[in-house]
Each structure stands twice: as C-alpha cells, then as structure tokens.
N, C-alpha and C. Protein backbone atom coordinates (compact mmCIF):
# COMPACT_ATOMS: atom_id res chain seq x y z
N MET A 1 206.37 123.32 29.03
CA MET A 1 206.25 123.05 30.45
C MET A 1 207.38 123.72 31.22
N ILE A 2 207.07 124.24 32.41
CA ILE A 2 208.06 124.82 33.30
C ILE A 2 208.40 123.80 34.38
N SER A 3 209.70 123.63 34.63
CA SER A 3 210.13 122.71 35.68
C SER A 3 211.26 123.33 36.48
N PHE A 4 211.07 123.41 37.79
CA PHE A 4 212.14 123.74 38.72
C PHE A 4 212.57 122.42 39.38
N HIS A 5 213.86 122.08 39.27
CA HIS A 5 214.36 120.82 39.82
C HIS A 5 215.37 121.11 40.92
N ASN A 6 214.97 120.92 42.16
CA ASN A 6 215.88 121.06 43.30
C ASN A 6 216.68 122.36 43.26
N VAL A 7 215.96 123.46 43.04
CA VAL A 7 216.61 124.76 42.87
C VAL A 7 216.89 125.40 44.23
N THR A 8 218.16 125.76 44.42
CA THR A 8 218.57 126.52 45.60
C THR A 8 219.18 127.83 45.13
N LYS A 9 218.74 128.93 45.76
CA LYS A 9 219.28 130.25 45.44
C LYS A 9 219.60 130.98 46.74
N LYS A 10 220.86 131.43 46.83
CA LYS A 10 221.31 132.16 48.00
C LYS A 10 221.81 133.54 47.59
N TYR A 11 221.56 134.52 48.45
CA TYR A 11 222.18 135.83 48.33
C TYR A 11 223.01 136.02 49.60
N GLY A 12 224.31 135.85 49.44
CA GLY A 12 225.15 135.86 50.62
C GLY A 12 224.84 134.66 51.49
N LEU A 13 224.54 134.90 52.77
CA LEU A 13 224.20 133.81 53.68
C LEU A 13 222.70 133.54 53.72
N HIS A 14 221.93 134.35 52.99
CA HIS A 14 220.47 134.22 53.02
C HIS A 14 220.00 133.28 51.92
N THR A 15 219.31 132.21 52.31
CA THR A 15 218.76 131.26 51.36
C THR A 15 217.34 131.68 51.00
N VAL A 16 217.13 132.06 49.73
CA VAL A 16 215.81 132.49 49.27
C VAL A 16 214.99 131.29 48.82
N LEU A 17 215.61 130.39 48.06
CA LEU A 17 214.95 129.17 47.61
C LEU A 17 215.79 127.98 48.08
N ASP A 18 215.13 127.01 48.68
CA ASP A 18 215.83 125.89 49.30
C ASP A 18 215.35 124.58 48.69
N GLU A 19 216.09 124.09 47.69
CA GLU A 19 215.78 122.83 47.00
C GLU A 19 214.32 122.79 46.55
N VAL A 20 213.95 123.81 45.80
CA VAL A 20 212.57 123.96 45.32
C VAL A 20 212.35 123.15 44.05
N SER A 21 211.25 122.42 44.02
CA SER A 21 210.85 121.68 42.82
C SER A 21 209.36 121.86 42.59
N PHE A 22 208.99 122.21 41.36
CA PHE A 22 207.58 122.26 40.98
C PHE A 22 207.49 122.27 39.46
N GLU A 23 206.31 121.99 38.95
CA GLU A 23 206.08 121.99 37.50
C GLU A 23 204.82 122.77 37.17
N ILE A 24 204.82 123.40 36.00
CA ILE A 24 203.65 124.08 35.45
C ILE A 24 203.42 123.52 34.05
N GLN A 25 202.23 123.03 33.80
CA GLN A 25 201.93 122.40 32.53
C GLN A 25 201.59 123.44 31.46
N PRO A 26 201.75 123.08 30.18
CA PRO A 26 201.39 124.00 29.09
C PRO A 26 199.92 124.43 29.20
N SER A 27 199.67 125.71 28.98
CA SER A 27 198.33 126.31 29.00
C SER A 27 197.69 126.32 30.39
N GLU A 28 198.50 126.13 31.41
CA GLU A 28 197.99 126.19 32.79
C GLU A 28 198.09 127.61 33.32
N LEU A 29 197.20 127.97 34.23
CA LEU A 29 197.28 129.24 34.94
C LEU A 29 197.64 128.93 36.39
N VAL A 30 198.78 129.47 36.84
CA VAL A 30 199.27 129.20 38.19
C VAL A 30 199.51 130.51 38.92
N ILE A 31 199.03 130.57 40.16
CA ILE A 31 199.24 131.73 41.02
C ILE A 31 200.29 131.36 42.05
N LEU A 32 201.42 132.10 42.06
CA LEU A 32 202.46 131.90 43.05
C LEU A 32 202.25 132.91 44.17
N ASN A 33 201.78 132.41 45.30
CA ASN A 33 201.37 133.27 46.41
C ASN A 33 202.45 133.30 47.49
N GLY A 34 202.72 134.50 48.01
CA GLY A 34 203.68 134.61 49.10
C GLY A 34 203.83 136.05 49.54
N SER A 35 204.32 136.24 50.74
CA SER A 35 204.50 137.59 51.28
C SER A 35 205.65 138.30 50.59
N SER A 36 205.75 139.59 50.79
CA SER A 36 206.86 140.37 50.23
C SER A 36 208.18 139.82 50.77
N GLY A 37 209.13 139.61 49.86
CA GLY A 37 210.43 139.08 50.27
C GLY A 37 210.50 137.58 50.35
N ALA A 38 209.41 136.89 49.99
CA ALA A 38 209.40 135.43 50.10
C ALA A 38 210.20 134.75 48.99
N GLY A 39 210.44 135.47 47.88
CA GLY A 39 211.21 134.89 46.78
C GLY A 39 210.47 134.81 45.47
N LYS A 40 209.29 135.42 45.39
CA LYS A 40 208.49 135.36 44.16
C LYS A 40 209.24 135.98 42.98
N SER A 41 209.84 137.15 43.20
CA SER A 41 210.56 137.82 42.11
C SER A 41 211.82 137.06 41.72
N THR A 42 212.38 136.31 42.66
CA THR A 42 213.54 135.48 42.33
C THR A 42 213.14 134.36 41.39
N VAL A 43 211.97 133.78 41.62
CA VAL A 43 211.46 132.75 40.70
C VAL A 43 211.30 133.33 39.30
N VAL A 44 210.72 134.52 39.21
CA VAL A 44 210.54 135.18 37.92
C VAL A 44 211.89 135.45 37.26
N ALA A 45 212.84 135.98 38.04
CA ALA A 45 214.16 136.30 37.49
C ALA A 45 214.85 135.06 36.94
N MET A 46 214.66 133.93 37.59
CA MET A 46 215.27 132.69 37.09
C MET A 46 214.60 132.21 35.82
N LEU A 47 213.29 132.41 35.72
CA LEU A 47 212.58 131.98 34.51
C LEU A 47 213.00 132.75 33.28
N ILE A 48 213.44 134.00 33.45
CA ILE A 48 213.89 134.78 32.29
C ILE A 48 215.41 134.82 32.18
N GLY A 49 216.09 134.07 33.04
CA GLY A 49 217.54 133.99 32.94
C GLY A 49 218.28 135.16 33.52
N ALA A 50 217.60 136.02 34.29
CA ALA A 50 218.27 137.16 34.91
C ALA A 50 219.04 136.76 36.16
N GLU A 51 218.66 135.64 36.76
CA GLU A 51 219.37 135.07 37.90
C GLU A 51 219.58 133.58 37.64
N LYS A 52 220.66 133.04 38.21
CA LYS A 52 220.93 131.62 38.09
C LYS A 52 220.93 130.97 39.47
N PRO A 53 220.48 129.74 39.55
CA PRO A 53 220.49 129.06 40.84
C PRO A 53 221.91 128.69 41.26
N ASN A 54 222.11 128.56 42.56
CA ASN A 54 223.37 128.02 43.05
C ASN A 54 223.44 126.53 42.79
N ARG A 55 222.28 125.89 42.89
CA ARG A 55 222.17 124.46 42.55
C ARG A 55 220.82 124.22 41.90
N GLY A 56 220.75 123.15 41.11
CA GLY A 56 219.49 122.78 40.49
C GLY A 56 219.35 123.35 39.08
N THR A 57 218.21 123.07 38.45
CA THR A 57 217.97 123.51 37.08
C THR A 57 216.58 124.11 36.94
N VAL A 58 216.49 125.08 36.02
CA VAL A 58 215.22 125.71 35.64
C VAL A 58 215.01 125.40 34.17
N GLU A 59 213.94 124.68 33.85
CA GLU A 59 213.69 124.27 32.47
C GLU A 59 212.36 124.83 31.97
N VAL A 60 212.36 125.23 30.71
CA VAL A 60 211.14 125.64 30.02
C VAL A 60 211.13 124.92 28.68
N ASP A 61 210.12 124.13 28.46
CA ASP A 61 210.02 123.33 27.22
C ASP A 61 211.29 122.52 26.99
N GLU A 62 211.78 121.89 28.06
CA GLU A 62 212.94 121.00 28.05
C GLU A 62 214.25 121.72 27.74
N MET A 63 214.25 123.06 27.77
CA MET A 63 215.48 123.83 27.64
C MET A 63 215.90 124.31 29.03
N VAL A 64 217.17 124.12 29.37
CA VAL A 64 217.67 124.53 30.67
C VAL A 64 218.04 126.01 30.60
N VAL A 65 217.22 126.85 31.22
CA VAL A 65 217.40 128.30 31.12
C VAL A 65 218.73 128.74 31.72
N ASN A 66 219.13 128.14 32.84
CA ASN A 66 220.36 128.58 33.50
C ASN A 66 221.63 128.13 32.79
N ASN A 67 221.49 127.34 31.72
CA ASN A 67 222.66 126.94 30.92
C ASN A 67 222.73 127.66 29.58
N MET A 68 221.77 128.55 29.30
CA MET A 68 221.74 129.22 27.99
C MET A 68 222.86 130.25 27.86
N ASP A 69 223.47 130.30 26.64
CA ASP A 69 224.41 131.38 26.38
C ASP A 69 223.64 132.65 26.05
N ALA A 70 224.35 133.77 25.90
CA ALA A 70 223.70 135.08 25.75
C ALA A 70 222.78 135.12 24.53
N ASN A 71 223.21 134.56 23.41
CA ASN A 71 222.40 134.62 22.18
C ASN A 71 221.14 133.77 22.31
N THR A 72 221.29 132.57 22.86
CA THR A 72 220.13 131.70 23.05
C THR A 72 219.14 132.32 24.02
N LEU A 73 219.68 132.95 25.08
CA LEU A 73 218.82 133.58 26.08
C LEU A 73 218.02 134.73 25.47
N GLN A 74 218.64 135.49 24.59
CA GLN A 74 217.95 136.60 23.94
C GLN A 74 216.79 136.10 23.09
N LEU A 75 217.02 135.03 22.34
CA LEU A 75 215.96 134.46 21.52
C LEU A 75 214.85 133.87 22.39
N TYR A 76 215.25 133.22 23.46
CA TYR A 76 214.27 132.62 24.38
C TYR A 76 213.36 133.69 24.98
N ARG A 77 213.95 134.82 25.38
CA ARG A 77 213.16 135.86 26.04
C ARG A 77 212.10 136.46 25.13
N ARG A 78 212.28 136.35 23.82
CA ARG A 78 211.26 136.85 22.89
C ARG A 78 210.01 135.99 22.94
N ARG A 79 210.13 134.79 23.47
CA ARG A 79 208.99 133.88 23.55
C ARG A 79 208.27 133.99 24.88
N VAL A 80 208.80 134.84 25.77
CA VAL A 80 208.23 134.98 27.11
C VAL A 80 207.79 136.43 27.31
N GLY A 81 206.54 136.63 27.68
CA GLY A 81 206.05 137.96 28.00
C GLY A 81 206.10 138.18 29.50
N VAL A 82 206.72 139.30 29.93
CA VAL A 82 206.85 139.58 31.36
C VAL A 82 206.21 140.92 31.69
N VAL A 83 205.38 140.92 32.73
CA VAL A 83 204.70 142.12 33.20
C VAL A 83 205.14 142.39 34.63
N TYR A 84 205.62 143.63 34.88
CA TYR A 84 206.13 143.98 36.20
C TYR A 84 205.16 144.90 36.94
N GLN A 85 205.27 144.90 38.26
CA GLN A 85 204.41 145.73 39.10
C GLN A 85 204.59 147.21 38.79
N ASP A 86 205.83 147.64 38.50
CA ASP A 86 206.10 149.07 38.28
C ASP A 86 206.04 149.46 36.80
N TYR A 87 205.45 148.62 35.98
CA TYR A 87 205.12 148.88 34.57
C TYR A 87 206.34 148.95 33.66
N LYS A 88 207.41 149.70 34.05
CA LYS A 88 208.62 149.87 33.22
C LYS A 88 208.29 150.44 31.84
N LEU A 89 207.44 151.45 31.81
CA LEU A 89 207.08 152.10 30.55
C LEU A 89 208.08 153.19 30.22
N LEU A 90 208.10 153.59 28.95
CA LEU A 90 208.99 154.66 28.48
C LEU A 90 208.18 155.95 28.44
N PRO A 91 208.45 156.89 29.36
CA PRO A 91 207.57 158.06 29.53
C PRO A 91 207.53 159.01 28.34
N LYS A 92 208.58 159.01 27.52
CA LYS A 92 208.63 159.94 26.39
C LYS A 92 208.13 159.31 25.09
N LYS A 93 207.58 158.12 25.19
CA LYS A 93 207.00 157.46 24.03
C LYS A 93 205.50 157.29 24.26
N THR A 94 204.74 157.38 23.17
CA THR A 94 203.29 157.21 23.26
C THR A 94 202.95 155.75 23.55
N VAL A 95 201.67 155.51 23.78
CA VAL A 95 201.19 154.15 23.99
C VAL A 95 201.59 153.26 22.81
N PHE A 96 201.34 153.74 21.61
CA PHE A 96 201.72 152.97 20.41
C PHE A 96 203.22 152.73 20.39
N GLU A 97 204.00 153.77 20.64
CA GLU A 97 205.46 153.67 20.55
C GLU A 97 206.05 152.77 21.63
N ASN A 98 205.43 152.74 22.82
CA ASN A 98 205.89 151.84 23.86
C ASN A 98 205.81 150.39 23.42
N VAL A 99 204.71 150.04 22.80
CA VAL A 99 204.55 148.65 22.34
C VAL A 99 205.42 148.39 21.11
N ALA A 100 205.46 149.36 20.21
CA ALA A 100 206.26 149.20 18.99
C ALA A 100 207.74 149.02 19.32
N PHE A 101 208.21 149.69 20.37
CA PHE A 101 209.62 149.63 20.73
C PHE A 101 210.05 148.19 21.04
N ALA A 102 209.16 147.42 21.65
CA ALA A 102 209.48 146.03 21.97
C ALA A 102 209.73 145.21 20.70
N MET A 103 209.12 145.62 19.59
CA MET A 103 209.35 144.95 18.31
C MET A 103 210.56 145.54 17.59
N GLU A 104 210.76 146.84 17.74
CA GLU A 104 211.88 147.50 17.06
C GLU A 104 213.22 146.98 17.54
N VAL A 105 213.34 146.74 18.85
CA VAL A 105 214.62 146.24 19.38
C VAL A 105 214.93 144.84 18.87
N CYS A 106 213.90 144.14 18.39
CA CYS A 106 214.10 142.83 17.78
C CYS A 106 214.22 142.92 16.26
N GLU A 107 214.30 144.16 15.77
CA GLU A 107 214.49 144.45 14.33
C GLU A 107 213.37 143.88 13.47
N GLU A 108 212.15 143.96 14.01
CA GLU A 108 210.99 143.55 13.21
C GLU A 108 210.71 144.63 12.15
N PRO A 109 210.22 144.24 10.96
CA PRO A 109 209.93 145.21 9.92
C PRO A 109 208.80 146.16 10.31
N GLN A 110 208.88 147.40 9.85
CA GLN A 110 207.89 148.41 10.19
C GLN A 110 206.48 148.01 9.76
N GLU A 111 206.38 147.33 8.65
CA GLU A 111 205.06 146.89 8.17
C GLU A 111 204.40 145.97 9.18
N LEU A 112 205.19 145.04 9.75
CA LEU A 112 204.65 144.12 10.75
C LEU A 112 204.31 144.86 12.03
N ILE A 113 205.14 145.82 12.42
CA ILE A 113 204.90 146.60 13.64
C ILE A 113 203.57 147.34 13.53
N HIS A 114 203.34 148.00 12.41
CA HIS A 114 202.11 148.78 12.23
C HIS A 114 200.88 147.90 12.06
N GLU A 115 201.10 146.65 11.77
CA GLU A 115 199.99 145.69 11.69
C GLU A 115 199.70 145.08 13.07
N GLN A 116 200.77 144.74 13.81
CA GLN A 116 200.62 143.99 15.05
C GLN A 116 200.23 144.86 16.25
N VAL A 117 200.83 146.05 16.36
CA VAL A 117 200.61 146.88 17.55
C VAL A 117 199.13 147.25 17.76
N PRO A 118 198.42 147.72 16.72
CA PRO A 118 197.00 148.02 16.94
C PRO A 118 196.18 146.81 17.38
N LEU A 119 196.52 145.63 16.88
CA LEU A 119 195.79 144.42 17.27
C LEU A 119 195.97 144.15 18.76
N VAL A 120 197.20 144.32 19.25
CA VAL A 120 197.48 144.06 20.66
C VAL A 120 196.82 145.13 21.53
N LEU A 121 196.89 146.38 21.11
CA LEU A 121 196.25 147.46 21.87
C LEU A 121 194.74 147.27 21.94
N GLU A 122 194.16 146.79 20.87
CA GLU A 122 192.71 146.53 20.87
C GLU A 122 192.39 145.40 21.86
N LYS A 123 193.23 144.40 21.91
CA LYS A 123 193.00 143.26 22.80
C LYS A 123 192.96 143.69 24.27
N VAL A 124 193.80 144.66 24.63
CA VAL A 124 193.85 145.11 26.04
C VAL A 124 192.99 146.35 26.28
N GLY A 125 192.26 146.80 25.26
CA GLY A 125 191.33 147.92 25.42
C GLY A 125 191.97 149.28 25.43
N LEU A 126 193.10 149.44 24.72
CA LEU A 126 193.81 150.73 24.73
C LEU A 126 193.97 151.36 23.34
N LEU A 127 193.31 150.81 22.34
CA LEU A 127 193.51 151.31 20.99
C LEU A 127 193.17 152.79 20.88
N GLN A 128 192.15 153.24 21.60
CA GLN A 128 191.73 154.63 21.51
C GLN A 128 192.73 155.58 22.19
N TYR A 129 193.68 155.02 22.95
CA TYR A 129 194.69 155.83 23.64
C TYR A 129 196.07 155.74 23.00
N GLN A 130 196.15 155.23 21.78
CA GLN A 130 197.45 154.92 21.20
C GLN A 130 198.35 156.14 21.02
N ASP A 131 197.79 157.34 20.94
CA ASP A 131 198.61 158.55 20.79
C ASP A 131 198.86 159.28 22.10
N GLN A 132 198.36 158.72 23.21
CA GLN A 132 198.58 159.32 24.51
C GLN A 132 199.94 158.90 25.09
N PHE A 133 200.42 159.67 26.07
CA PHE A 133 201.65 159.31 26.77
C PHE A 133 201.29 158.65 28.10
N PRO A 134 202.18 157.80 28.64
CA PRO A 134 201.85 157.04 29.85
C PRO A 134 201.38 157.89 31.02
N GLN A 135 201.91 159.12 31.17
CA GLN A 135 201.52 159.94 32.32
C GLN A 135 200.06 160.38 32.27
N HIS A 136 199.43 160.24 31.11
CA HIS A 136 198.03 160.61 30.97
C HIS A 136 197.10 159.41 31.17
N LEU A 137 197.65 158.26 31.50
CA LEU A 137 196.86 157.06 31.71
C LEU A 137 196.64 156.81 33.20
N SER A 138 195.57 156.12 33.53
CA SER A 138 195.35 155.68 34.90
C SER A 138 196.28 154.51 35.22
N GLY A 139 196.32 154.12 36.51
CA GLY A 139 197.15 152.99 36.89
C GLY A 139 196.75 151.71 36.17
N GLY A 140 195.45 151.48 36.08
CA GLY A 140 194.98 150.28 35.38
C GLY A 140 195.33 150.30 33.91
N GLU A 141 195.25 151.47 33.29
CA GLU A 141 195.59 151.59 31.87
C GLU A 141 197.08 151.40 31.66
N ARG A 142 197.89 151.89 32.58
CA ARG A 142 199.34 151.68 32.46
C ARG A 142 199.67 150.19 32.56
N GLN A 143 198.98 149.49 33.45
CA GLN A 143 199.24 148.06 33.56
C GLN A 143 198.79 147.34 32.31
N ARG A 144 197.68 147.77 31.70
CA ARG A 144 197.24 147.19 30.44
C ARG A 144 198.27 147.43 29.33
N LEU A 145 198.88 148.61 29.37
CA LEU A 145 199.92 148.91 28.38
C LEU A 145 201.13 147.99 28.58
N ALA A 146 201.51 147.76 29.83
CA ALA A 146 202.61 146.84 30.10
C ALA A 146 202.27 145.43 29.61
N ILE A 147 201.02 145.03 29.75
CA ILE A 147 200.58 143.72 29.27
C ILE A 147 200.63 143.68 27.74
N ALA A 148 200.19 144.77 27.10
CA ALA A 148 200.23 144.83 25.63
C ALA A 148 201.66 144.65 25.13
N ARG A 149 202.59 145.31 25.77
CA ARG A 149 203.99 145.19 25.37
C ARG A 149 204.49 143.75 25.53
N ALA A 150 204.04 143.08 26.60
CA ALA A 150 204.44 141.70 26.82
C ALA A 150 203.82 140.75 25.80
N LEU A 151 202.68 141.14 25.23
CA LEU A 151 201.96 140.26 24.30
C LEU A 151 202.39 140.42 22.85
N VAL A 152 203.16 141.44 22.55
CA VAL A 152 203.35 141.82 21.15
C VAL A 152 204.10 140.77 20.33
N HIS A 153 204.84 139.89 21.00
CA HIS A 153 205.54 138.81 20.29
C HIS A 153 204.77 137.49 20.32
N ASN A 154 203.49 137.57 20.72
CA ASN A 154 202.65 136.37 20.82
C ASN A 154 203.33 135.28 21.65
N PRO A 155 203.69 135.59 22.90
CA PRO A 155 204.43 134.61 23.71
C PRO A 155 203.57 133.44 24.12
N ARG A 156 204.21 132.28 24.25
CA ARG A 156 203.51 131.10 24.75
C ARG A 156 203.42 131.13 26.26
N LEU A 157 204.35 131.87 26.88
CA LEU A 157 204.40 131.96 28.34
C LEU A 157 204.29 133.41 28.76
N LEU A 158 203.35 133.70 29.65
CA LEU A 158 203.15 135.05 30.16
C LEU A 158 203.37 135.03 31.67
N ILE A 159 204.32 135.87 32.14
CA ILE A 159 204.66 135.94 33.56
C ILE A 159 204.32 137.33 34.06
N ALA A 160 203.59 137.39 35.17
CA ALA A 160 203.20 138.68 35.74
C ALA A 160 203.64 138.71 37.21
N ASP A 161 204.52 139.64 37.54
CA ASP A 161 205.07 139.75 38.89
C ASP A 161 204.31 140.84 39.65
N GLU A 162 203.41 140.44 40.55
CA GLU A 162 202.59 141.37 41.35
C GLU A 162 201.88 142.41 40.47
N PRO A 163 201.13 141.99 39.45
CA PRO A 163 200.55 142.94 38.50
C PRO A 163 199.45 143.83 39.08
N THR A 164 198.89 143.44 40.23
CA THR A 164 197.84 144.26 40.84
C THR A 164 198.34 145.02 42.07
N GLY A 165 199.64 144.96 42.32
CA GLY A 165 200.19 145.52 43.55
C GLY A 165 199.98 147.01 43.72
N ASN A 166 199.91 147.76 42.60
CA ASN A 166 199.76 149.21 42.67
C ASN A 166 198.35 149.68 42.30
N LEU A 167 197.39 148.75 42.25
CA LEU A 167 196.06 149.09 41.74
C LEU A 167 195.00 149.00 42.83
N ASP A 168 193.94 149.82 42.65
CA ASP A 168 192.80 149.69 43.54
C ASP A 168 191.99 148.46 43.13
N LYS A 169 190.95 148.15 43.91
CA LYS A 169 190.21 146.91 43.70
C LYS A 169 189.54 146.85 42.33
N VAL A 170 188.99 147.98 41.87
CA VAL A 170 188.29 147.99 40.58
C VAL A 170 189.26 147.73 39.44
N ASN A 171 190.40 148.46 39.43
CA ASN A 171 191.38 148.26 38.38
C ASN A 171 192.02 146.88 38.45
N ALA A 172 192.23 146.40 39.68
CA ALA A 172 192.79 145.06 39.85
C ALA A 172 191.87 144.00 39.24
N GLN A 173 190.57 144.17 39.46
CA GLN A 173 189.60 143.23 38.90
C GLN A 173 189.69 143.22 37.37
N GLY A 174 189.80 144.39 36.76
CA GLY A 174 189.92 144.47 35.31
C GLY A 174 191.15 143.77 34.78
N ILE A 175 192.28 143.94 35.48
CA ILE A 175 193.53 143.31 35.06
C ILE A 175 193.44 141.79 35.21
N LEU A 176 192.86 141.33 36.29
CA LEU A 176 192.71 139.89 36.50
C LEU A 176 191.77 139.27 35.47
N ASP A 177 190.72 139.98 35.10
CA ASP A 177 189.83 139.51 34.04
C ASP A 177 190.58 139.36 32.73
N LEU A 178 191.51 140.30 32.47
CA LEU A 178 192.29 140.25 31.24
C LEU A 178 193.21 139.04 31.24
N PHE A 179 193.87 138.77 32.37
CA PHE A 179 194.73 137.58 32.44
C PHE A 179 193.92 136.30 32.28
N SER A 180 192.73 136.28 32.84
CA SER A 180 191.86 135.11 32.69
C SER A 180 191.50 134.90 31.22
N LYS A 181 191.23 135.99 30.51
CA LYS A 181 190.92 135.90 29.09
C LYS A 181 192.12 135.39 28.29
N LEU A 182 193.30 135.90 28.59
CA LEU A 182 194.50 135.47 27.88
C LEU A 182 194.77 134.00 28.11
N HIS A 183 194.53 133.55 29.34
CA HIS A 183 194.69 132.13 29.64
C HIS A 183 193.69 131.30 28.85
N SER A 184 192.45 131.77 28.75
CA SER A 184 191.42 131.02 28.02
C SER A 184 191.75 130.92 26.54
N GLU A 185 192.59 131.84 26.05
CA GLU A 185 193.01 131.82 24.65
C GLU A 185 194.23 130.92 24.42
N GLY A 186 194.72 130.29 25.48
CA GLY A 186 195.77 129.29 25.31
C GLY A 186 197.11 129.61 25.91
N ALA A 187 197.28 130.80 26.50
CA ALA A 187 198.58 131.16 27.08
C ALA A 187 198.81 130.42 28.39
N THR A 188 200.06 130.06 28.63
CA THR A 188 200.47 129.59 29.95
C THR A 188 200.75 130.83 30.79
N VAL A 189 200.12 130.93 31.95
CA VAL A 189 200.23 132.14 32.76
C VAL A 189 200.75 131.79 34.15
N LEU A 190 201.81 132.49 34.57
CA LEU A 190 202.29 132.42 35.94
C LEU A 190 202.18 133.82 36.53
N LEU A 191 201.41 133.94 37.58
CA LEU A 191 201.16 135.24 38.20
C LEU A 191 201.56 135.18 39.66
N THR A 192 202.45 136.09 40.10
CA THR A 192 202.84 136.13 41.50
C THR A 192 202.03 137.19 42.23
N THR A 193 201.76 136.94 43.51
CA THR A 193 200.96 137.90 44.27
C THR A 193 201.07 137.64 45.76
N HIS A 194 200.76 138.67 46.54
CA HIS A 194 200.53 138.50 47.98
C HIS A 194 199.08 138.89 48.32
N ASP A 195 198.29 139.19 47.28
CA ASP A 195 196.94 139.73 47.42
C ASP A 195 195.90 138.61 47.42
N PRO A 196 195.13 138.44 48.50
CA PRO A 196 194.09 137.39 48.53
C PRO A 196 193.05 137.55 47.43
N LEU A 197 192.83 138.79 46.95
CA LEU A 197 191.85 139.02 45.89
C LEU A 197 192.19 138.20 44.65
N VAL A 198 193.46 138.11 44.33
CA VAL A 198 193.88 137.37 43.14
C VAL A 198 193.50 135.91 43.27
N ARG A 199 193.77 135.33 44.42
CA ARG A 199 193.45 133.91 44.62
C ARG A 199 191.95 133.66 44.58
N ASP A 200 191.18 134.66 45.01
CA ASP A 200 189.72 134.50 45.04
C ASP A 200 189.10 134.62 43.65
N ILE A 201 189.72 135.43 42.78
CA ILE A 201 189.12 135.73 41.48
C ILE A 201 189.59 134.79 40.38
N LEU A 202 190.89 134.55 40.31
CA LEU A 202 191.41 133.76 39.20
C LEU A 202 191.18 132.27 39.43
N PRO A 203 190.91 131.53 38.36
CA PRO A 203 190.57 130.11 38.50
C PRO A 203 191.77 129.19 38.48
N GLY A 204 192.98 129.71 38.70
CA GLY A 204 194.17 128.90 38.55
C GLY A 204 194.56 128.10 39.78
N ARG A 205 195.55 127.26 39.59
CA ARG A 205 196.15 126.49 40.69
C ARG A 205 197.04 127.40 41.52
N VAL A 206 197.00 127.26 42.82
CA VAL A 206 197.78 128.12 43.72
C VAL A 206 198.98 127.37 44.27
N LEU A 207 200.17 127.96 44.10
CA LEU A 207 201.38 127.50 44.77
C LEU A 207 201.74 128.55 45.81
N THR A 208 202.23 128.11 46.95
CA THR A 208 202.63 129.04 48.00
C THR A 208 204.13 128.95 48.20
N ILE A 209 204.77 130.12 48.30
CA ILE A 209 206.20 130.18 48.58
C ILE A 209 206.38 130.78 49.97
N ASP A 210 207.09 130.02 50.80
CA ASP A 210 207.26 130.45 52.19
C ASP A 210 208.46 129.71 52.78
N GLY A 211 209.32 130.45 53.49
CA GLY A 211 210.47 129.83 54.13
C GLY A 211 211.41 129.12 53.17
N GLY A 212 211.49 129.63 51.93
CA GLY A 212 212.38 129.04 50.94
C GLY A 212 211.83 127.83 50.22
N LYS A 213 210.60 127.44 50.55
CA LYS A 213 209.97 126.28 49.93
C LYS A 213 208.77 126.69 49.10
N VAL A 214 208.44 125.91 48.08
CA VAL A 214 207.24 126.10 47.27
C VAL A 214 206.40 124.84 47.39
N TYR A 215 205.12 125.02 47.75
CA TYR A 215 204.26 123.84 47.94
C TYR A 215 202.83 124.16 47.54
C-alpha cells in the first residue's frame, strides 16, 4: 500500500505539495490528474526516494521511503518499475540490450537475463524488434520499450509519469491498453497525466492534484 501522510514539499518559497494525504491500495489502478507544474512529477520523485518532503512521510508497504538509507533505497527501487514521458532509453544499445542493462546493473546472472528479457519483450509486443536500435522505433514502440525495462524485475508497483504525453491518439490508446492489462495481472499502477483521454479510457480511480492539494 502507498500512503502519503501530511506531506509538504517546498522548492524555495514555492509550495508544491501542501499537507497532502492519500492512500493507494495493493493492486489498485490510480490516475493522478493535474496540469503541467501541478506537482505530479514531485509525487513520483518522492515515491522513488529521489526527493524528500519537508514535512510528513511517504510509505510503501509500511516502509518509510524518505527515511531509507542509500543501500535500502537501492533495493527498494528494484521493486518499483518507473516509466517516464521521455523514455530515457540508451540510444547505442539495442531493444534487447536496453532491457538487459536494467538487470546487468543489478548483477543478475546472464542466464537469467537471456531468459527474462525475451519474455518481457513479448509481453509488450516488441520481441520481433529485439535487435533494433531505439531510433528505428516509433514513439509508441519506444514507450513500450521503456515499459519493458520497468517490468524486467517483476515489480509489484508500476509508476508511469505522463506516459502518453509524447504520443498521438492511436499510440496512446495502445499504451493505455497495455497498462490496463498489467493492472489486470495484479500490478499496482499509478499513472500521472494531464490528458483527458487517459481518464476516459482507463478504469482506475482518479485523484486530482491542484493548488498543492490532492483530492
């Protein structure tokens, strides 16, 4: 379960989150809706321990993320899959190598890597492109590759920060269908967006972030 307890986050004199509290239950799909600059990415950054609140606590499965030391945080992040709007792919690595790299940095054995990566690529519909480089993929395919990389550790929690922001309507629909499928398979999904299409298509609960509050 995800819990934000009276979380306040300031950057200088600007308050991004103002005593925010909300919960997300295991295996729930939640859409965090808000305009650009409303604080959606700050929520994501706090969930992965990249930012800490000025006050309050961020908990995942009863662990306080903002109190984790560096080693604990590294282990925790392996259990969380994160998908970004700008993909963050490695341009000089193939589709296969991009996903494999996420396992290599965790010192997973090569036998497991060569077993796991094709399974994940097949799940997102990219197995036939495993020897291609990212620049040869469409925007939708690049986002699927970013999702594959996030899935390779079989995370219990999948976070997607504006995953359809760079996509046309057709590709966005495909990506949202994929998140819906992953949720149906048991993943807890938090997806941030400013796009009404996401709220119309996905069957999840909608939270709105506005004026430093989440409701």
